[in-house]
Structure formats: structure tokens, C-alpha cells
Protein backbone atom coordinates (compact mmCIF):
# COMPACT_ATOMS: atom_id res chain seq x y z
CA MET A 1 6.36 -39.53 12.31
CA VAL A 2 9.29 -37.39 13.35
CA ASN A 3 12.76 -37.77 11.88
CA SER A 4 14.90 -38.74 14.88
CA ASP A 5 17.84 -36.78 13.44
CA LEU A 6 15.81 -33.60 13.98
CA ILE A 7 15.19 -34.21 17.70
CA LYS A 8 17.31 -31.94 19.88
CA PHE A 9 15.73 -32.74 23.28
CA VAL A 10 13.15 -35.10 24.72
CA GLU A 11 11.66 -33.60 27.88
CA LYS A 12 9.75 -35.41 30.59
CA ALA A 13 7.03 -33.21 31.99
CA PRO A 14 3.46 -34.21 32.59
CA ASP A 15 3.61 -34.74 28.81
CA THR A 16 6.54 -35.84 26.66
CA VAL A 17 7.77 -32.89 24.61
CA LEU A 18 10.14 -33.20 21.65
CA THR A 19 12.16 -30.10 20.87
CA LEU A 20 13.39 -30.18 17.30
CA VAL A 21 16.57 -28.55 16.00
CA SER A 22 14.35 -25.89 14.40
CA GLY A 23 13.05 -24.92 17.86
CA GLU A 24 9.59 -26.35 17.16
CA LYS A 25 8.09 -28.30 20.07
CA VAL A 26 5.92 -31.37 19.56
CA ILE A 27 3.90 -33.04 22.32
CA VAL A 28 3.70 -36.83 21.88
CA LEU A 29 1.81 -39.65 23.57
CA GLU A 30 4.84 -41.93 24.02
CA SER A 31 7.03 -41.76 27.13
CA ALA A 32 10.59 -40.43 26.85
CA ASP A 33 11.87 -43.98 27.46
CA ALA A 34 9.71 -45.33 24.62
CA ILE A 35 11.03 -42.60 22.29
CA LEU A 36 14.62 -43.53 23.15
CA GLU A 37 13.95 -47.23 22.58
CA LYS A 38 12.37 -46.50 19.18
CA ILE A 39 15.30 -44.31 18.10
CA VAL A 40 17.86 -46.94 19.14
CA ALA A 41 15.90 -49.74 17.42
CA PHE A 42 15.58 -47.66 14.23
CA ARG A 43 19.29 -46.82 14.15
CA ARG A 44 20.26 -50.44 14.75
CA LYS A 45 18.03 -51.41 11.84
CA ILE A 46 19.52 -48.92 9.37
CA MET A 47 23.12 -49.15 10.62
CA PRO A 48 23.64 -52.79 11.63
CA GLY A 49 26.88 -53.41 13.50
CA LEU A 50 27.54 -49.75 14.31
CA LEU A 51 25.58 -49.53 17.56
CA PRO A 52 26.46 -52.07 20.26
CA GLU A 53 23.67 -54.14 21.74
CA ALA A 54 22.71 -52.82 25.16
CA SER A 55 20.41 -54.19 27.77
CA ASP A 56 17.11 -52.42 28.36
CA GLU A 57 18.57 -51.34 31.71
CA ALA A 58 21.50 -49.56 30.05
CA VAL A 59 19.16 -47.71 27.67
CA THR A 60 16.91 -46.65 30.56
CA GLU A 61 19.90 -45.54 32.65
CA ALA A 62 21.24 -43.45 29.77
CA ALA A 63 17.84 -41.79 29.37
CA SER A 64 17.35 -41.08 33.04
CA ALA A 65 20.90 -39.87 33.73
CA ASP A 66 19.94 -36.29 32.94
CA GLY A 67 16.19 -36.57 32.51
CA GLU A 68 16.39 -36.42 28.74
CA ALA A 69 16.49 -39.13 26.12
CA ALA A 70 19.65 -39.22 24.07
CA PRO A 71 21.31 -41.85 21.93
CA PRO A 72 23.51 -44.18 23.98
CA ALA A 73 27.25 -43.52 24.04
CA GLN A 74 29.49 -45.58 21.80
CA HIS A 75 31.42 -48.22 23.73
CA ALA A 76 34.82 -49.61 22.79
CA LYS A 77 35.00 -53.37 22.36
CA GLU A 78 37.08 -55.22 24.91
CA SER A 79 40.18 -56.99 23.54
């Protein structure tokens, strides 16, 4: 397992490559989208109520916006 707080980049190449904050690179079997989904699910589990629920489409769009997986942006609640 990799601590998601240590992931700096998730790169899509023929293989999925995690670049950690230390500079170490780790090749994983999961897709970049699957990595993002696992990170979001984990953070929702440990910090309930802090991350808004998003559709799978929104998570995928956030990941594919720049080709890298990143946590979704915080959204303000509508009044």
C-alpha cells in the first residue's frame, strides 16, 4: 500500500506511475482513474462530511483534465 498523502503525481503512460514526494517512482497495476477513486473513497471514509459527494463523472473529469489524478476541488455549498 502507498500512503496517498505521499503521492505527488499519478501519470498515465503505458503503465500507471506514481511519483512520490520523495521523488521515488512506483509502477502500479491500477489505472490512474482507479487510483483517484480509491484516494477519494479513503478520504471520505476518514474525513466524513469534509469532501462533497461527486458523481463518478465529476471524478473522472477532474482526473482527465490534465492527464493526472488529483484530489477533487472543494466546492462551496449553494445557499
